[in-house]
Amino acid sequence: MTTALLSNGGPPLDDDDTHTPPWGRNGIGNYFIWAAAKKKAFDAPYDIAKLRAQRASLIGLTYEEYVLEILERGRYLNAGDTERIAQIVAKRGVRY
């Protein structure tokens, strides 16, 4: 028999070097712990999330940038915080 007749058409059992899982190539580590913590930090009741999203769009930030500022610094940005908003926007390409 040939191997083609024995195959069920599923993925190969050998490791594929072209695929990189979301946690990288060096093992899982704390990937799932950090992913759960980030989800918990960014989850908010619908009304609060909607209000934050509206405020973020009014000052030119994304929802994540606005919530990060609240979580990291404890500050609710407004239109008068132009210097801090400019710093956040300047770091958009640098974020990891």
N, C-alpha and C. Protein backbone atom coordinates (compact mmCIF):
# COMPACT_ATOMS: atom_id res chain seq x y z
N MET A 1 0.83 -1.20 0.00
CA MET A 1 0.00 0.00 0.00
C MET A 1 0.88 1.26 0.00
N THR A 2 0.35 2.27 -0.60
CA THR A 2 1.08 3.52 -0.60
C THR A 2 0.61 4.38 0.56
N THR A 3 1.41 5.39 0.90
CA THR A 3 1.04 6.26 2.01
C THR A 3 -0.17 7.12 1.66
N ALA A 4 -0.41 7.38 0.38
CA ALA A 4 -1.56 8.18 -0.02
C ALA A 4 -2.86 7.48 0.33
N LEU A 5 -2.87 6.15 0.24
CA LEU A 5 -4.08 5.41 0.57
C LEU A 5 -4.32 5.38 2.07
N LEU A 6 -3.25 5.51 2.87
CA LEU A 6 -3.37 5.46 4.32
C LEU A 6 -3.67 6.82 4.94
N SER A 7 -3.58 7.87 4.17
CA SER A 7 -3.77 9.21 4.71
C SER A 7 -5.25 9.57 4.76
N ASN A 8 -5.65 10.25 5.84
CA ASN A 8 -7.03 10.72 5.94
C ASN A 8 -7.16 12.19 5.53
N GLY A 9 -6.07 12.77 5.05
CA GLY A 9 -6.10 14.15 4.58
C GLY A 9 -5.93 15.16 5.70
N GLY A 10 -5.57 14.71 6.89
CA GLY A 10 -5.36 15.62 8.00
C GLY A 10 -4.01 16.30 7.95
N PRO A 11 -3.71 17.15 8.93
CA PRO A 11 -2.43 17.85 8.93
C PRO A 11 -1.28 16.87 9.20
N PRO A 12 -0.08 17.22 8.77
CA PRO A 12 1.05 16.33 9.01
C PRO A 12 1.35 16.24 10.51
N LEU A 13 1.86 15.12 10.93
CA LEU A 13 2.17 14.93 12.34
C LEU A 13 3.53 15.51 12.70
N ASP A 14 4.36 15.76 11.72
CA ASP A 14 5.67 16.36 11.97
C ASP A 14 5.50 17.85 12.23
N ASP A 15 6.44 18.41 12.99
CA ASP A 15 6.38 19.84 13.28
C ASP A 15 6.61 20.64 12.00
N ASP A 16 5.84 21.66 11.82
CA ASP A 16 5.96 22.54 10.66
C ASP A 16 6.75 23.77 11.10
N ASP A 17 7.88 24.01 10.47
CA ASP A 17 8.74 25.13 10.86
C ASP A 17 8.19 26.49 10.45
N THR A 18 7.18 26.52 9.58
CA THR A 18 6.65 27.80 9.13
C THR A 18 5.59 28.36 10.07
N HIS A 19 5.03 27.53 10.94
CA HIS A 19 3.97 27.99 11.85
C HIS A 19 4.57 28.46 13.17
N THR A 20 4.19 29.66 13.60
CA THR A 20 4.61 30.18 14.90
C THR A 20 3.36 30.39 15.74
N PRO A 21 3.24 29.71 16.89
CA PRO A 21 2.08 29.89 17.74
C PRO A 21 2.07 31.29 18.37
N PRO A 22 0.94 31.76 18.89
CA PRO A 22 0.85 33.11 19.46
C PRO A 22 1.82 33.35 20.60
N TRP A 23 2.25 32.32 21.31
CA TRP A 23 3.14 32.50 22.45
C TRP A 23 4.60 32.41 22.05
N GLY A 24 4.90 32.26 20.77
CA GLY A 24 6.28 32.23 20.29
C GLY A 24 6.82 30.81 20.23
N ARG A 25 8.10 30.70 19.95
CA ARG A 25 8.74 29.40 19.76
C ARG A 25 9.39 28.87 21.03
N ASN A 26 9.50 29.65 22.07
CA ASN A 26 10.24 29.23 23.27
C ASN A 26 9.35 28.65 24.35
N GLY A 27 8.24 28.08 24.01
CA GLY A 27 7.35 27.49 25.01
C GLY A 27 6.28 28.45 25.44
N ILE A 28 5.29 27.92 26.11
CA ILE A 28 4.13 28.71 26.49
C ILE A 28 4.44 29.67 27.61
N GLY A 29 5.16 29.23 28.64
CA GLY A 29 5.48 30.10 29.75
C GLY A 29 4.23 30.63 30.42
N ASN A 30 4.15 31.91 30.58
CA ASN A 30 3.01 32.55 31.25
C ASN A 30 2.03 33.18 30.27
N TYR A 31 2.05 32.74 29.02
CA TYR A 31 1.21 33.36 27.99
C TYR A 31 -0.26 33.39 28.39
N PHE A 32 -0.80 32.26 28.83
CA PHE A 32 -2.23 32.19 29.13
C PHE A 32 -2.57 32.97 30.40
N ILE A 33 -1.65 33.02 31.35
CA ILE A 33 -1.87 33.80 32.57
C ILE A 33 -1.94 35.29 32.22
N TRP A 34 -1.00 35.75 31.39
CA TRP A 34 -1.00 37.16 30.98
C TRP A 34 -2.20 37.49 30.11
N ALA A 35 -2.58 36.58 29.22
CA ALA A 35 -3.74 36.83 28.36
C ALA A 35 -5.00 36.97 29.19
N ALA A 36 -5.16 36.12 30.21
CA ALA A 36 -6.34 36.21 31.08
C ALA A 36 -6.32 37.49 31.90
N ALA A 37 -5.14 37.89 32.38
CA ALA A 37 -5.03 39.12 33.16
C ALA A 37 -5.36 40.35 32.31
N LYS A 38 -4.90 40.36 31.05
CA LYS A 38 -5.19 41.49 30.17
C LYS A 38 -6.68 41.57 29.87
N LYS A 39 -7.29 40.41 29.62
CA LYS A 39 -8.74 40.39 29.36
C LYS A 39 -9.51 40.91 30.56
N LYS A 40 -9.12 40.50 31.75
CA LYS A 40 -9.80 40.94 32.96
C LYS A 40 -9.62 42.45 33.17
N ALA A 41 -8.43 42.96 32.87
CA ALA A 41 -8.16 44.39 33.06
C ALA A 41 -8.95 45.25 32.08
N PHE A 42 -9.11 44.79 30.84
CA PHE A 42 -9.78 45.60 29.83
C PHE A 42 -11.28 45.38 29.80
N ASP A 43 -11.77 44.32 30.40
CA ASP A 43 -13.20 44.10 30.45
C ASP A 43 -13.84 45.08 31.44
N ALA A 44 -14.91 45.66 31.01
CA ALA A 44 -15.66 46.59 31.87
C ALA A 44 -17.13 46.42 31.53
N PRO A 45 -18.01 46.81 32.44
CA PRO A 45 -19.44 46.78 32.09
C PRO A 45 -19.70 47.59 30.82
N TYR A 46 -20.73 47.21 30.11
CA TYR A 46 -21.02 47.81 28.80
C TYR A 46 -21.08 49.34 28.86
N ASP A 47 -21.79 49.89 29.83
CA ASP A 47 -21.94 51.35 29.91
C ASP A 47 -20.60 52.04 30.12
N ILE A 48 -19.76 51.47 30.96
CA ILE A 48 -18.45 52.07 31.23
C ILE A 48 -17.56 51.96 30.00
N ALA A 49 -17.55 50.79 29.35
CA ALA A 49 -16.74 50.61 28.15
C ALA A 49 -17.18 51.56 27.04
N LYS A 50 -18.49 51.75 26.90
CA LYS A 50 -19.01 52.66 25.88
C LYS A 50 -18.58 54.10 26.17
N LEU A 51 -18.66 54.51 27.44
CA LEU A 51 -18.25 55.86 27.82
C LEU A 51 -16.76 56.06 27.57
N ARG A 52 -15.95 55.07 27.94
CA ARG A 52 -14.50 55.18 27.72
C ARG A 52 -14.19 55.24 26.23
N ALA A 53 -14.87 54.46 25.42
CA ALA A 53 -14.64 54.47 23.98
C ALA A 53 -15.01 55.83 23.38
N GLN A 54 -16.09 56.42 23.84
CA GLN A 54 -16.49 57.74 23.35
C GLN A 54 -15.48 58.79 23.75
N ARG A 55 -15.04 58.77 25.00
CA ARG A 55 -14.04 59.74 25.46
C ARG A 55 -12.72 59.58 24.71
N ALA A 56 -12.34 58.32 24.47
CA ALA A 56 -11.09 58.07 23.75
C ALA A 56 -11.16 58.61 22.32
N SER A 57 -12.27 58.39 21.65
CA SER A 57 -12.39 58.87 20.27
C SER A 57 -12.44 60.40 20.21
N LEU A 58 -13.00 61.03 21.23
CA LEU A 58 -13.05 62.50 21.25
C LEU A 58 -11.67 63.13 21.35
N ILE A 59 -10.75 62.46 22.04
CA ILE A 59 -9.41 63.04 22.20
C ILE A 59 -8.40 62.42 21.24
N GLY A 60 -8.84 61.50 20.37
CA GLY A 60 -7.96 60.96 19.34
C GLY A 60 -7.15 59.75 19.75
N LEU A 61 -7.60 59.01 20.76
CA LEU A 61 -6.91 57.80 21.20
C LEU A 61 -7.78 56.58 20.91
N THR A 62 -7.16 55.42 20.94
CA THR A 62 -7.92 54.19 20.83
C THR A 62 -8.43 53.82 22.21
N TYR A 63 -9.38 52.89 22.26
CA TYR A 63 -9.91 52.43 23.53
C TYR A 63 -8.80 51.85 24.40
N GLU A 64 -7.93 51.02 23.80
CA GLU A 64 -6.85 50.41 24.58
C GLU A 64 -5.89 51.46 25.14
N GLU A 65 -5.54 52.46 24.34
CA GLU A 65 -4.63 53.50 24.82
C GLU A 65 -5.25 54.26 25.99
N TYR A 66 -6.53 54.56 25.88
CA TYR A 66 -7.22 55.30 26.93
C TYR A 66 -7.29 54.49 28.22
N VAL A 67 -7.65 53.20 28.10
CA VAL A 67 -7.76 52.35 29.29
C VAL A 67 -6.38 52.10 29.90
N LEU A 68 -5.35 51.95 29.06
CA LEU A 68 -3.99 51.79 29.59
C LEU A 68 -3.58 52.99 30.43
N GLU A 69 -3.93 54.17 29.99
CA GLU A 69 -3.60 55.37 30.76
C GLU A 69 -4.31 55.35 32.11
N ILE A 70 -5.55 54.91 32.14
CA ILE A 70 -6.28 54.81 33.41
C ILE A 70 -5.64 53.76 34.31
N LEU A 71 -5.31 52.60 33.75
CA LEU A 71 -4.74 51.52 34.56
C LEU A 71 -3.33 51.82 35.03
N GLU A 72 -2.50 52.40 34.17
CA GLU A 72 -1.11 52.64 34.52
C GLU A 72 -0.91 53.87 35.39
N ARG A 73 -1.63 54.95 35.10
CA ARG A 73 -1.38 56.21 35.78
C ARG A 73 -2.53 56.68 36.67
N GLY A 74 -3.69 56.07 36.52
CA GLY A 74 -4.83 56.47 37.33
C GLY A 74 -5.42 57.80 36.92
N ARG A 75 -5.17 58.21 35.67
CA ARG A 75 -5.65 59.50 35.18
C ARG A 75 -6.66 59.30 34.07
N TYR A 76 -7.71 60.07 34.11
CA TYR A 76 -8.70 60.10 33.04
C TYR A 76 -8.37 61.28 32.16
N LEU A 77 -7.86 61.02 30.97
CA LEU A 77 -7.45 62.09 30.08
C LEU A 77 -8.64 62.84 29.51
N ASN A 78 -8.43 64.13 29.24
CA ASN A 78 -9.44 64.94 28.57
C ASN A 78 -8.75 65.78 27.51
N ALA A 79 -9.48 66.62 26.84
CA ALA A 79 -8.94 67.40 25.73
C ALA A 79 -7.82 68.36 26.17
N GLY A 80 -7.78 68.72 27.43
CA GLY A 80 -6.74 69.63 27.92
C GLY A 80 -5.38 68.98 28.12
N ASP A 81 -5.32 67.68 28.08
CA ASP A 81 -4.05 66.96 28.29
C ASP A 81 -3.34 66.72 26.95
N THR A 82 -3.15 67.78 26.18
CA THR A 82 -2.61 67.64 24.83
C THR A 82 -1.18 67.10 24.83
N GLU A 83 -0.38 67.46 25.81
CA GLU A 83 1.00 67.00 25.84
C GLU A 83 1.06 65.48 26.04
N ARG A 84 0.30 64.97 26.99
CA ARG A 84 0.30 63.53 27.25
C ARG A 84 -0.31 62.76 26.08
N ILE A 85 -1.34 63.29 25.46
CA ILE A 85 -1.96 62.64 24.30
C ILE A 85 -0.95 62.57 23.15
N ALA A 86 -0.19 63.63 22.95
CA ALA A 86 0.83 63.64 21.90
C ALA A 86 1.91 62.59 22.17
N GLN A 87 2.28 62.40 23.44
CA GLN A 87 3.26 61.37 23.79
C GLN A 87 2.73 59.97 23.48
N ILE A 88 1.47 59.73 23.79
CA ILE A 88 0.86 58.43 23.54
C ILE A 88 0.79 58.16 22.04
N VAL A 89 0.38 59.15 21.27
CA VAL A 89 0.26 58.99 19.82
C VAL A 89 1.64 58.77 19.20
N ALA A 90 2.66 59.43 19.72
CA ALA A 90 4.02 59.27 19.19
C ALA A 90 4.55 57.85 19.41
N LYS A 91 4.08 57.17 20.45
CA LYS A 91 4.56 55.83 20.76
C LYS A 91 3.77 54.72 20.06
N ARG A 92 2.83 55.05 19.22
CA ARG A 92 1.98 54.03 18.59
C ARG A 92 2.79 53.02 17.80
N GLY A 93 3.79 53.44 17.09
CA GLY A 93 4.59 52.50 16.32
C GLY A 93 5.57 51.70 17.15
N VAL A 94 5.83 52.15 18.37
CA VAL A 94 6.83 51.52 19.23
C VAL A 94 6.22 50.46 20.13
N ARG A 95 4.94 50.52 20.38
CA ARG A 95 4.29 49.58 21.31
C ARG A 95 4.53 48.15 20.90
N TYR A 96 4.58 47.28 21.88
CA TYR A 96 4.85 45.87 21.63
C TYR A 96 3.68 45.01 21.94
